[in-house]
mmCIF file of all heavy atoms, coordinates in Angstrom:
data_MODEL
# 
_entry.id   MODEL 
# 
loop_
_atom_site.group_PDB 
_atom_site.id 
_atom_site.type_symbol 
_atom_site.label_atom_id 
_atom_site.label_alt_id 
_atom_site.label_comp_id 
_atom_site.label_asym_id 
_atom_site.label_entity_id 
_atom_site.label_seq_id 
_atom_site.pdbx_PDB_ins_code 
_atom_site.Cartn_x 
_atom_site.Cartn_y 
_atom_site.Cartn_z 
_atom_site.occupancy 
_atom_site.B_iso_or_equiv 
_atom_site.pdbx_formal_charge 
_atom_site.auth_seq_id 
_atom_site.auth_comp_id 
_atom_site.auth_asym_id 
_atom_site.auth_atom_id 
_atom_site.pdbx_PDB_model_num 
ATOM 1   N N   . GLY A 1 1  ? 0.804  -1.075 0.087  1.00 0.00 ? 1  GLY A N   1 
ATOM 2   C CA  . GLY A 1 1  ? -0.033 0.035  -0.057 1.00 0.00 ? 1  GLY A CA  1 
ATOM 3   C C   . GLY A 1 1  ? 0.743  1.274  -0.028 1.00 0.00 ? 1  GLY A C   1 
ATOM 4   O O   . GLY A 1 1  ? 0.529  2.271  -0.723 1.00 0.00 ? 1  GLY A O   1 
ATOM 5   N N   . SER A 1 2  ? 1.734  1.470  0.770  1.00 0.00 ? 2  SER A N   1 
ATOM 6   C CA  . SER A 1 2  ? 2.627  2.617  0.803  1.00 0.00 ? 2  SER A CA  1 
ATOM 7   C C   . SER A 1 2  ? 3.950  2.347  1.357  1.00 0.00 ? 2  SER A C   1 
ATOM 8   O O   . SER A 1 2  ? 4.289  1.398  1.995  1.00 0.00 ? 2  SER A O   1 
ATOM 9   C CB  . SER A 1 2  ? 1.893  3.565  1.724  1.00 0.00 ? 2  SER A CB  1 
ATOM 10  O OG  . SER A 1 2  ? 2.062  3.155  3.118  1.00 0.00 ? 2  SER A OG  1 
ATOM 11  N N   . ILE A 1 3  ? 5.008  3.151  0.787  1.00 0.00 ? 3  ILE A N   1 
ATOM 12  C CA  . ILE A 1 3  ? 6.292  3.260  1.455  1.00 0.00 ? 3  ILE A CA  1 
ATOM 13  C C   . ILE A 1 3  ? 6.474  4.594  1.943  1.00 0.00 ? 3  ILE A C   1 
ATOM 14  O O   . ILE A 1 3  ? 6.298  5.516  1.322  1.00 0.00 ? 3  ILE A O   1 
ATOM 15  C CB  . ILE A 1 3  ? 7.284  3.002  0.097  1.00 0.00 ? 3  ILE A CB  1 
ATOM 16  C CG1 . ILE A 1 3  ? 7.184  1.695  -0.460 1.00 0.00 ? 3  ILE A CG1 1 
ATOM 17  C CG2 . ILE A 1 3  ? 8.698  3.031  0.709  1.00 0.00 ? 3  ILE A CG2 1 
ATOM 18  C CD1 . ILE A 1 3  ? 7.195  0.494  0.292  1.00 0.00 ? 3  ILE A CD1 1 
ATOM 19  N N   . SER A 1 4  ? 6.685  4.677  3.196  1.00 0.00 ? 4  SER A N   1 
ATOM 20  C CA  . SER A 1 4  ? 6.690  5.754  4.038  1.00 0.00 ? 4  SER A CA  1 
ATOM 21  C C   . SER A 1 4  ? 7.997  6.360  4.182  1.00 0.00 ? 4  SER A C   1 
ATOM 22  O O   . SER A 1 4  ? 9.127  5.791  4.066  1.00 0.00 ? 4  SER A O   1 
ATOM 23  C CB  . SER A 1 4  ? 6.145  5.529  5.338  1.00 0.00 ? 4  SER A CB  1 
ATOM 24  O OG  . SER A 1 4  ? 4.834  4.853  5.317  1.00 0.00 ? 4  SER A OG  1 
ATOM 25  N N   . GLY A 1 5  ? 8.018  7.712  4.395  1.00 0.00 ? 5  GLY A N   1 
ATOM 26  C CA  . GLY A 1 5  ? 9.203  8.486  4.748  1.00 0.00 ? 5  GLY A CA  1 
ATOM 27  C C   . GLY A 1 5  ? 9.218  8.791  6.135  1.00 0.00 ? 5  GLY A C   1 
ATOM 28  O O   . GLY A 1 5  ? 9.460  7.768  6.956  1.00 0.00 ? 5  GLY A O   1 
ATOM 29  N N   . ASP A 1 6  ? 8.993  10.014 6.560  1.00 0.00 ? 6  ASP A N   1 
ATOM 30  C CA  . ASP A 1 6  ? 8.991  10.376 7.961  1.00 0.00 ? 6  ASP A CA  1 
ATOM 31  C C   . ASP A 1 6  ? 7.649  10.409 8.667  1.00 0.00 ? 6  ASP A C   1 
ATOM 32  O O   . ASP A 1 6  ? 7.358  11.078 9.552  1.00 0.00 ? 6  ASP A O   1 
ATOM 33  C CB  . ASP A 1 6  ? 9.708  11.615 8.180  1.00 0.00 ? 6  ASP A CB  1 
ATOM 34  C CG  . ASP A 1 6  ? 9.033  12.829 7.398  1.00 0.00 ? 6  ASP A CG  1 
ATOM 35  O OD1 . ASP A 1 6  ? 8.152  12.446 6.764  1.00 0.00 ? 6  ASP A OD1 1 
ATOM 36  O OD2 . ASP A 1 6  ? 9.515  13.908 7.490  1.00 0.00 ? 6  ASP A OD2 1 
ATOM 37  N N   . SER A 1 7  ? 6.744  9.602  8.133  1.00 0.00 ? 7  SER A N   1 
ATOM 38  C CA  . SER A 1 7  ? 5.376  9.549  8.729  1.00 0.00 ? 7  SER A CA  1 
ATOM 39  C C   . SER A 1 7  ? 5.374  8.773  10.037 1.00 0.00 ? 7  SER A C   1 
ATOM 40  O O   . SER A 1 7  ? 6.219  8.153  10.342 1.00 0.00 ? 7  SER A O   1 
ATOM 41  C CB  . SER A 1 7  ? 4.336  8.832  7.692  1.00 0.00 ? 7  SER A CB  1 
ATOM 42  O OG  . SER A 1 7  ? 4.734  7.467  7.622  1.00 0.00 ? 7  SER A OG  1 
ATOM 43  N N   . LEU A 1 8  ? 4.346  9.002  10.699 1.00 0.00 ? 8  LEU A N   1 
ATOM 44  C CA  . LEU A 1 8  ? 4.177  8.519  12.018 1.00 0.00 ? 8  LEU A CA  1 
ATOM 45  C C   . LEU A 1 8  ? 2.690  7.809  12.063 1.00 0.00 ? 8  LEU A C   1 
ATOM 46  O O   . LEU A 1 8  ? 1.808  8.434  12.590 1.00 0.00 ? 8  LEU A O   1 
ATOM 47  C CB  . LEU A 1 8  ? 4.231  9.569  13.126 1.00 0.00 ? 8  LEU A CB  1 
ATOM 48  C CG  . LEU A 1 8  ? 5.461  10.474 13.080 1.00 0.00 ? 8  LEU A CG  1 
ATOM 49  C CD1 . LEU A 1 8  ? 5.480  11.498 14.125 1.00 0.00 ? 8  LEU A CD1 1 
ATOM 50  C CD2 . LEU A 1 8  ? 6.789  9.635  13.187 1.00 0.00 ? 8  LEU A CD2 1 
ATOM 51  N N   . THR A 1 9  ? 2.753  6.642  11.583 1.00 0.00 ? 9  THR A N   1 
ATOM 52  C CA  . THR A 1 9  ? 1.465  5.999  11.490 1.00 0.00 ? 9  THR A CA  1 
ATOM 53  C C   . THR A 1 9  ? 1.476  4.735  12.332 1.00 0.00 ? 9  THR A C   1 
ATOM 54  O O   . THR A 1 9  ? 2.415  4.100  12.679 1.00 0.00 ? 9  THR A O   1 
ATOM 55  C CB  . THR A 1 9  ? 1.135  5.533  10.038 1.00 0.00 ? 9  THR A CB  1 
ATOM 56  O OG1 . THR A 1 9  ? 2.323  4.731  9.636  1.00 0.00 ? 9  THR A OG1 1 
ATOM 57  C CG2 . THR A 1 9  ? 0.981  6.823  9.106  1.00 0.00 ? 9  THR A CG2 1 
ATOM 58  N N   . TYR A 1 10 ? 0.231  4.347  12.813 1.00 0.00 ? 10 TYR A N   1 
ATOM 59  C CA  . TYR A 1 10 ? -0.013 3.324  13.757 1.00 0.00 ? 10 TYR A CA  1 
ATOM 60  C C   . TYR A 1 10 ? -0.361 2.042  13.239 1.00 0.00 ? 10 TYR A C   1 
ATOM 61  O O   . TYR A 1 10 ? -1.149 1.920  12.282 1.00 0.00 ? 10 TYR A O   1 
ATOM 62  C CB  . TYR A 1 10 ? -0.990 3.683  14.907 1.00 0.00 ? 10 TYR A CB  1 
ATOM 63  C CG  . TYR A 1 10 ? -1.217 2.504  15.864 1.00 0.00 ? 10 TYR A CG  1 
ATOM 64  C CD1 . TYR A 1 10 ? -0.285 2.577  16.875 1.00 0.00 ? 10 TYR A CD1 1 
ATOM 65  C CD2 . TYR A 1 10 ? -2.138 1.712  15.878 1.00 0.00 ? 10 TYR A CD2 1 
ATOM 66  C CE1 . TYR A 1 10 ? -0.489 1.499  17.919 1.00 0.00 ? 10 TYR A CE1 1 
ATOM 67  C CE2 . TYR A 1 10 ? -2.481 0.707  16.726 1.00 0.00 ? 10 TYR A CE2 1 
ATOM 68  C CZ  . TYR A 1 10 ? -1.628 0.672  17.722 1.00 0.00 ? 10 TYR A CZ  1 
ATOM 69  O OH  . TYR A 1 10 ? -1.810 -0.371 18.688 1.00 0.00 ? 10 TYR A OH  1 
ATOM 70  N N   . SER A 1 11 ? 0.265  0.780  13.593 1.00 0.00 ? 11 SER A N   1 
ATOM 71  C CA  . SER A 1 11 ? -0.046 -0.468 13.199 1.00 0.00 ? 11 SER A CA  1 
ATOM 72  C C   . SER A 1 11 ? -0.232 -1.338 14.413 1.00 0.00 ? 11 SER A C   1 
ATOM 73  O O   . SER A 1 11 ? 0.560  -1.356 15.378 1.00 0.00 ? 11 SER A O   1 
ATOM 74  C CB  . SER A 1 11 ? 0.888  -1.031 12.214 1.00 0.00 ? 11 SER A CB  1 
ATOM 75  O OG  . SER A 1 11 ? 0.691  -2.381 11.948 1.00 0.00 ? 11 SER A OG  1 
ATOM 76  N N   . ASP A 1 12 ? -1.343 -2.136 14.342 1.00 0.00 ? 12 ASP A N   1 
ATOM 77  C CA  . ASP A 1 12 ? -1.628 -2.857 15.599 1.00 0.00 ? 12 ASP A CA  1 
ATOM 78  C C   . ASP A 1 12 ? -0.511 -3.841 15.983 1.00 0.00 ? 12 ASP A C   1 
ATOM 79  O O   . ASP A 1 12 ? -0.312 -4.284 17.144 1.00 0.00 ? 12 ASP A O   1 
ATOM 80  C CB  . ASP A 1 12 ? -2.942 -3.638 15.520 1.00 0.00 ? 12 ASP A CB  1 
ATOM 81  C CG  . ASP A 1 12 ? -4.105 -2.800 15.483 1.00 0.00 ? 12 ASP A CG  1 
ATOM 82  O OD1 . ASP A 1 12 ? -3.981 -1.614 16.002 1.00 0.00 ? 12 ASP A OD1 1 
ATOM 83  O OD2 . ASP A 1 12 ? -5.154 -3.241 14.966 1.00 0.00 ? 12 ASP A OD2 1 
ATOM 84  N N   . SER A 1 13 ? 0.235  -4.322 15.098 1.00 0.00 ? 13 SER A N   1 
ATOM 85  C CA  . SER A 1 13 ? 1.178  -5.386 15.294 1.00 0.00 ? 13 SER A CA  1 
ATOM 86  C C   . SER A 1 13 ? 2.576  -4.803 15.748 1.00 0.00 ? 13 SER A C   1 
ATOM 87  O O   . SER A 1 13 ? 3.482  -5.661 15.971 1.00 0.00 ? 13 SER A O   1 
ATOM 88  C CB  . SER A 1 13 ? 1.459  -6.149 14.027 1.00 0.00 ? 13 SER A CB  1 
ATOM 89  O OG  . SER A 1 13 ? 1.888  -5.336 13.029 1.00 0.00 ? 13 SER A OG  1 
ATOM 90  N N   . TYR A 1 14 ? 2.723  -3.487 15.785 1.00 0.00 ? 14 TYR A N   1 
ATOM 91  C CA  . TYR A 1 14 ? 4.097  -2.964 16.185 1.00 0.00 ? 14 TYR A CA  1 
ATOM 92  C C   . TYR A 1 14 ? 4.035  -2.345 17.494 1.00 0.00 ? 14 TYR A C   1 
ATOM 93  O O   . TYR A 1 14 ? 2.980  -1.837 18.039 1.00 0.00 ? 14 TYR A O   1 
ATOM 94  C CB  . TYR A 1 14 ? 4.414  -1.986 15.032 1.00 0.00 ? 14 TYR A CB  1 
ATOM 95  C CG  . TYR A 1 14 ? 4.563  -2.496 13.618 1.00 0.00 ? 14 TYR A CG  1 
ATOM 96  C CD1 . TYR A 1 14 ? 4.195  -1.592 12.588 1.00 0.00 ? 14 TYR A CD1 1 
ATOM 97  C CD2 . TYR A 1 14 ? 4.818  -3.818 13.524 1.00 0.00 ? 14 TYR A CD2 1 
ATOM 98  C CE1 . TYR A 1 14 ? 4.147  -2.132 11.231 1.00 0.00 ? 14 TYR A CE1 1 
ATOM 99  C CE2 . TYR A 1 14 ? 4.917  -4.211 12.224 1.00 0.00 ? 14 TYR A CE2 1 
ATOM 100 C CZ  . TYR A 1 14 ? 4.597  -3.477 11.088 1.00 0.00 ? 14 TYR A CZ  1 
ATOM 101 O OH  . TYR A 1 14 ? 4.563  -3.928 9.812  1.00 0.00 ? 14 TYR A OH  1 
ATOM 102 N N   . ASN A 1 15 ? 5.255  -2.015 18.164 1.00 0.00 ? 15 ASN A N   1 
ATOM 103 C CA  . ASN A 1 15 ? 5.350  -1.293 19.385 1.00 0.00 ? 15 ASN A CA  1 
ATOM 104 C C   . ASN A 1 15 ? 5.447  0.121  19.000 1.00 0.00 ? 15 ASN A C   1 
ATOM 105 O O   . ASN A 1 15 ? 6.521  0.819  19.363 1.00 0.00 ? 15 ASN A O   1 
ATOM 106 C CB  . ASN A 1 15 ? 6.622  -1.834 20.100 1.00 0.00 ? 15 ASN A CB  1 
ATOM 107 C CG  . ASN A 1 15 ? 6.585  -3.232 20.370 1.00 0.00 ? 15 ASN A CG  1 
ATOM 108 O OD1 . ASN A 1 15 ? 5.712  -3.610 21.264 1.00 0.00 ? 15 ASN A OD1 1 
ATOM 109 N ND2 . ASN A 1 15 ? 7.404  -4.117 19.714 1.00 0.00 ? 15 ASN A ND2 1 
ATOM 110 N N   . VAL A 1 16 ? 4.354  0.793  18.595 1.00 0.00 ? 16 VAL A N   1 
ATOM 111 C CA  . VAL A 1 16 ? 4.406  2.226  18.218 1.00 0.00 ? 16 VAL A CA  1 
ATOM 112 C C   . VAL A 1 16 ? 3.450  2.895  19.301 1.00 0.00 ? 16 VAL A C   1 
ATOM 113 O O   . VAL A 1 16 ? 2.400  2.589  19.517 1.00 0.00 ? 16 VAL A O   1 
ATOM 114 C CB  . VAL A 1 16 ? 3.882  2.360  16.851 1.00 0.00 ? 16 VAL A CB  1 
ATOM 115 C CG1 . VAL A 1 16 ? 3.764  3.805  16.484 1.00 0.00 ? 16 VAL A CG1 1 
ATOM 116 C CG2 . VAL A 1 16 ? 4.762  1.683  15.769 1.00 0.00 ? 16 VAL A CG2 1 
ATOM 117 N N   . THR A 1 17 ? 4.133  4.066  19.789 1.00 0.00 ? 17 THR A N   1 
ATOM 118 C CA  . THR A 1 17 ? 3.153  4.902  20.625 1.00 0.00 ? 17 THR A CA  1 
ATOM 119 C C   . THR A 1 17 ? 3.070  6.326  19.880 1.00 0.00 ? 17 THR A C   1 
ATOM 120 O O   . THR A 1 17 ? 2.083  6.798  19.717 1.00 0.00 ? 17 THR A O   1 
ATOM 121 C CB  . THR A 1 17 ? 3.867  5.088  21.983 1.00 0.00 ? 17 THR A CB  1 
ATOM 122 O OG1 . THR A 1 17 ? 5.188  5.531  21.739 1.00 0.00 ? 17 THR A OG1 1 
ATOM 123 C CG2 . THR A 1 17 ? 3.834  3.864  22.832 1.00 0.00 ? 17 THR A CG2 1 
ATOM 124 N N   . ASN A 1 18 ? 4.186  6.913  19.577 1.00 0.00 ? 18 ASN A N   1 
ATOM 125 C CA  . ASN A 1 18 ? 4.279  8.142  18.751 1.00 0.00 ? 18 ASN A CA  1 
ATOM 126 C C   . ASN A 1 18 ? 5.520  8.172  18.073 1.00 0.00 ? 18 ASN A C   1 
ATOM 127 O O   . ASN A 1 18 ? 6.490  7.238  18.378 1.00 0.00 ? 18 ASN A O   1 
ATOM 128 C CB  . ASN A 1 18 ? 3.932  9.252  19.554 1.00 0.00 ? 18 ASN A CB  1 
ATOM 129 C CG  . ASN A 1 18 ? 4.887  9.482  20.672 1.00 0.00 ? 18 ASN A CG  1 
ATOM 130 O OD1 . ASN A 1 18 ? 6.110  9.516  20.519 1.00 0.00 ? 18 ASN A OD1 1 
ATOM 131 N ND2 . ASN A 1 18 ? 4.283  9.428  21.920 1.00 0.00 ? 18 ASN A ND2 1 
ATOM 132 N N   . GLY A 1 19 ? 5.949  9.173  17.291 1.00 0.00 ? 19 GLY A N   1 
ATOM 133 C CA  . GLY A 1 19 ? 7.174  9.175  16.633 1.00 0.00 ? 19 GLY A CA  1 
ATOM 134 C C   . GLY A 1 19 ? 8.106  10.364 17.141 1.00 0.00 ? 19 GLY A C   1 
ATOM 135 O O   . GLY A 1 19 ? 9.215  10.504 16.620 1.00 0.00 ? 19 GLY A O   1 
ATOM 136 N N   . LYS A 1 20 ? 7.563  11.185 18.072 1.00 0.00 ? 20 LYS A N   1 
ATOM 137 C CA  . LYS A 1 20 ? 8.335  12.387 18.469 1.00 0.00 ? 20 LYS A CA  1 
ATOM 138 C C   . LYS A 1 20 ? 9.606  12.124 19.112 1.00 0.00 ? 20 LYS A C   1 
ATOM 139 O O   . LYS A 1 20 ? 10.608 12.940 19.243 1.00 0.00 ? 20 LYS A O   1 
ATOM 140 C CB  . LYS A 1 20 ? 7.414  13.277 19.178 1.00 0.00 ? 20 LYS A CB  1 
ATOM 141 C CG  . LYS A 1 20 ? 6.916  12.817 20.559 1.00 0.00 ? 20 LYS A CG  1 
ATOM 142 C CD  . LYS A 1 20 ? 6.053  13.783 21.235 1.00 0.00 ? 20 LYS A CD  1 
ATOM 143 C CE  . LYS A 1 20 ? 5.502  13.327 22.462 1.00 0.00 ? 20 LYS A CE  1 
ATOM 144 N NZ  . LYS A 1 20 ? 4.486  14.224 23.126 1.00 0.00 ? 20 LYS A NZ  1 
ATOM 145 N N   . ASP A 1 21 ? 9.835  10.837 19.740 1.00 0.00 ? 21 ASP A N   1 
ATOM 146 C CA  . ASP A 1 21 ? 10.965 10.508 20.571 1.00 0.00 ? 21 ASP A CA  1 
ATOM 147 C C   . ASP A 1 21 ? 12.017 9.771  19.755 1.00 0.00 ? 21 ASP A C   1 
ATOM 148 O O   . ASP A 1 21 ? 13.037 9.376  20.241 1.00 0.00 ? 21 ASP A O   1 
ATOM 149 C CB  . ASP A 1 21 ? 10.501 9.699  21.795 1.00 0.00 ? 21 ASP A CB  1 
ATOM 150 C CG  . ASP A 1 21 ? 9.672  10.458 22.721 1.00 0.00 ? 21 ASP A CG  1 
ATOM 151 O OD1 . ASP A 1 21 ? 9.942  11.689 22.879 1.00 0.00 ? 21 ASP A OD1 1 
ATOM 152 O OD2 . ASP A 1 21 ? 8.690  9.903  23.246 1.00 0.00 ? 21 ASP A OD2 1 
ATOM 153 N N   . ILE A 1 22 ? 11.695 9.519  18.378 1.00 0.00 ? 22 ILE A N   1 
ATOM 154 C CA  . ILE A 1 22 ? 12.746 8.784  17.491 1.00 0.00 ? 22 ILE A CA  1 
ATOM 155 C C   . ILE A 1 22 ? 13.496 9.637  16.785 1.00 0.00 ? 22 ILE A C   1 
ATOM 156 O O   . ILE A 1 22 ? 12.886 10.529 15.987 1.00 0.00 ? 22 ILE A O   1 
ATOM 157 C CB  . ILE A 1 22 ? 11.811 7.780  16.715 1.00 0.00 ? 22 ILE A CB  1 
ATOM 158 C CG1 . ILE A 1 22 ? 11.275 6.658  17.693 1.00 0.00 ? 22 ILE A CG1 1 
ATOM 159 C CG2 . ILE A 1 22 ? 12.736 7.095  15.747 1.00 0.00 ? 22 ILE A CG2 1 
ATOM 160 C CD1 . ILE A 1 22 ? 12.247 5.772  18.200 1.00 0.00 ? 22 ILE A CD1 1 
ATOM 161 N N   . THR A 1 23 ? 14.713 9.453  16.694 1.00 0.00 ? 23 THR A N   1 
ATOM 162 C CA  . THR A 1 23 ? 15.616 10.344 15.708 1.00 0.00 ? 23 THR A CA  1 
ATOM 163 C C   . THR A 1 23 ? 16.538 9.305  15.059 1.00 0.00 ? 23 THR A C   1 
ATOM 164 O O   . THR A 1 23 ? 16.839 8.335  15.425 1.00 0.00 ? 23 THR A O   1 
ATOM 165 C CB  . THR A 1 23 ? 16.391 11.444 16.399 1.00 0.00 ? 23 THR A CB  1 
ATOM 166 O OG1 . THR A 1 23 ? 17.283 10.811 17.350 1.00 0.00 ? 23 THR A OG1 1 
ATOM 167 C CG2 . THR A 1 23 ? 15.473 12.468 17.180 1.00 0.00 ? 23 THR A CG2 1 
ATOM 168 N N   . ALA A 1 24 ? 17.041 9.745  13.849 1.00 0.00 ? 24 ALA A N   1 
ATOM 169 C CA  . ALA A 1 24 ? 18.066 8.943  13.060 1.00 0.00 ? 24 ALA A CA  1 
ATOM 170 C C   . ALA A 1 24 ? 18.986 9.824  12.331 1.00 0.00 ? 24 ALA A C   1 
ATOM 171 O O   . ALA A 1 24 ? 18.524 10.719 11.809 1.00 0.00 ? 24 ALA A O   1 
ATOM 172 C CB  . ALA A 1 24 ? 17.237 8.029  12.123 1.00 0.00 ? 24 ALA A CB  1 
ATOM 173 N N   . VAL A 1 25 ? 20.352 9.434  12.418 1.00 0.00 ? 25 VAL A N   1 
ATOM 174 C CA  . VAL A 1 25 ? 21.366 10.161 11.831 1.00 0.00 ? 25 VAL A CA  1 
ATOM 175 C C   . VAL A 1 25 ? 22.284 9.094  11.181 1.00 0.00 ? 25 VAL A C   1 
ATOM 176 O O   . VAL A 1 25 ? 22.591 8.135  11.832 1.00 0.00 ? 25 VAL A O   1 
ATOM 177 C CB  . VAL A 1 25 ? 22.124 11.094 12.791 1.00 0.00 ? 25 VAL A CB  1 
ATOM 178 C CG1 . VAL A 1 25 ? 23.208 11.881 12.029 1.00 0.00 ? 25 VAL A CG1 1 
ATOM 179 C CG2 . VAL A 1 25 ? 21.248 12.126 13.607 1.00 0.00 ? 25 VAL A CG2 1 
ATOM 180 N N   . THR A 1 26 ? 22.651 9.440  9.872  1.00 0.00 ? 26 THR A N   1 
ATOM 181 C CA  . THR A 1 26 ? 23.439 8.602  9.102  1.00 0.00 ? 26 THR A CA  1 
ATOM 182 C C   . THR A 1 26 ? 24.871 9.168  8.870  1.00 0.00 ? 26 THR A C   1 
ATOM 183 O O   . THR A 1 26 ? 25.034 10.391 8.679  1.00 0.00 ? 26 THR A O   1 
ATOM 184 C CB  . THR A 1 26 ? 22.890 8.322  7.795  1.00 0.00 ? 26 THR A CB  1 
ATOM 185 O OG1 . THR A 1 26 ? 21.542 7.649  7.904  1.00 0.00 ? 26 THR A OG1 1 
ATOM 186 C CG2 . THR A 1 26 ? 23.718 7.350  6.825  1.00 0.00 ? 26 THR A CG2 1 
ATOM 187 N N   . TYR A 1 27 ? 25.824 8.294  9.059  1.00 0.00 ? 27 TYR A N   1 
ATOM 188 C CA  . TYR A 1 27 ? 27.271 8.543  8.889  1.00 0.00 ? 27 TYR A CA  1 
ATOM 189 C C   . TYR A 1 27 ? 27.821 7.757  7.850  1.00 0.00 ? 27 TYR A C   1 
ATOM 190 O O   . TYR A 1 27 ? 27.448 6.570  7.783  1.00 0.00 ? 27 TYR A O   1 
ATOM 191 C CB  . TYR A 1 27 ? 28.038 8.529  10.245 1.00 0.00 ? 27 TYR A CB  1 
ATOM 192 C CG  . TYR A 1 27 ? 27.493 9.162  11.349 1.00 0.00 ? 27 TYR A CG  1 
ATOM 193 C CD1 . TYR A 1 27 ? 26.467 8.592  12.210 1.00 0.00 ? 27 TYR A CD1 1 
ATOM 194 C CD2 . TYR A 1 27 ? 27.825 10.540 11.591 1.00 0.00 ? 27 TYR A CD2 1 
ATOM 195 C CE1 . TYR A 1 27 ? 25.854 9.378  13.249 1.00 0.00 ? 27 TYR A CE1 1 
ATOM 196 C CE2 . TYR A 1 27 ? 27.179 11.338 12.653 1.00 0.00 ? 27 TYR A CE2 1 
ATOM 197 C CZ  . TYR A 1 27 ? 26.299 10.653 13.464 1.00 0.00 ? 27 TYR A CZ  1 
ATOM 198 O OH  . TYR A 1 27 ? 25.672 11.367 14.603 1.00 0.00 ? 27 TYR A OH  1 
ATOM 199 N N   . ALA A 1 28 ? 28.749 8.244  7.068  1.00 0.00 ? 28 ALA A N   1 
ATOM 200 C CA  . ALA A 1 28 ? 29.439 7.498  6.048  1.00 0.00 ? 28 ALA A CA  1 
ATOM 201 C C   . ALA A 1 28 ? 30.794 6.978  6.540  1.00 0.00 ? 28 ALA A C   1 
ATOM 202 O O   . ALA A 1 28 ? 31.462 7.566  7.460  1.00 0.00 ? 28 ALA A O   1 
ATOM 203 C CB  . ALA A 1 28 ? 29.714 8.342  4.716  1.00 0.00 ? 28 ALA A CB  1 
# 
């Protein structure tokens, strides 16, 4: 159905509460 970017959507099978506490940084 969708490939998400920085969305914060809920799915019953995941441990999701909200997205405001999650950050990601990438290093080469």
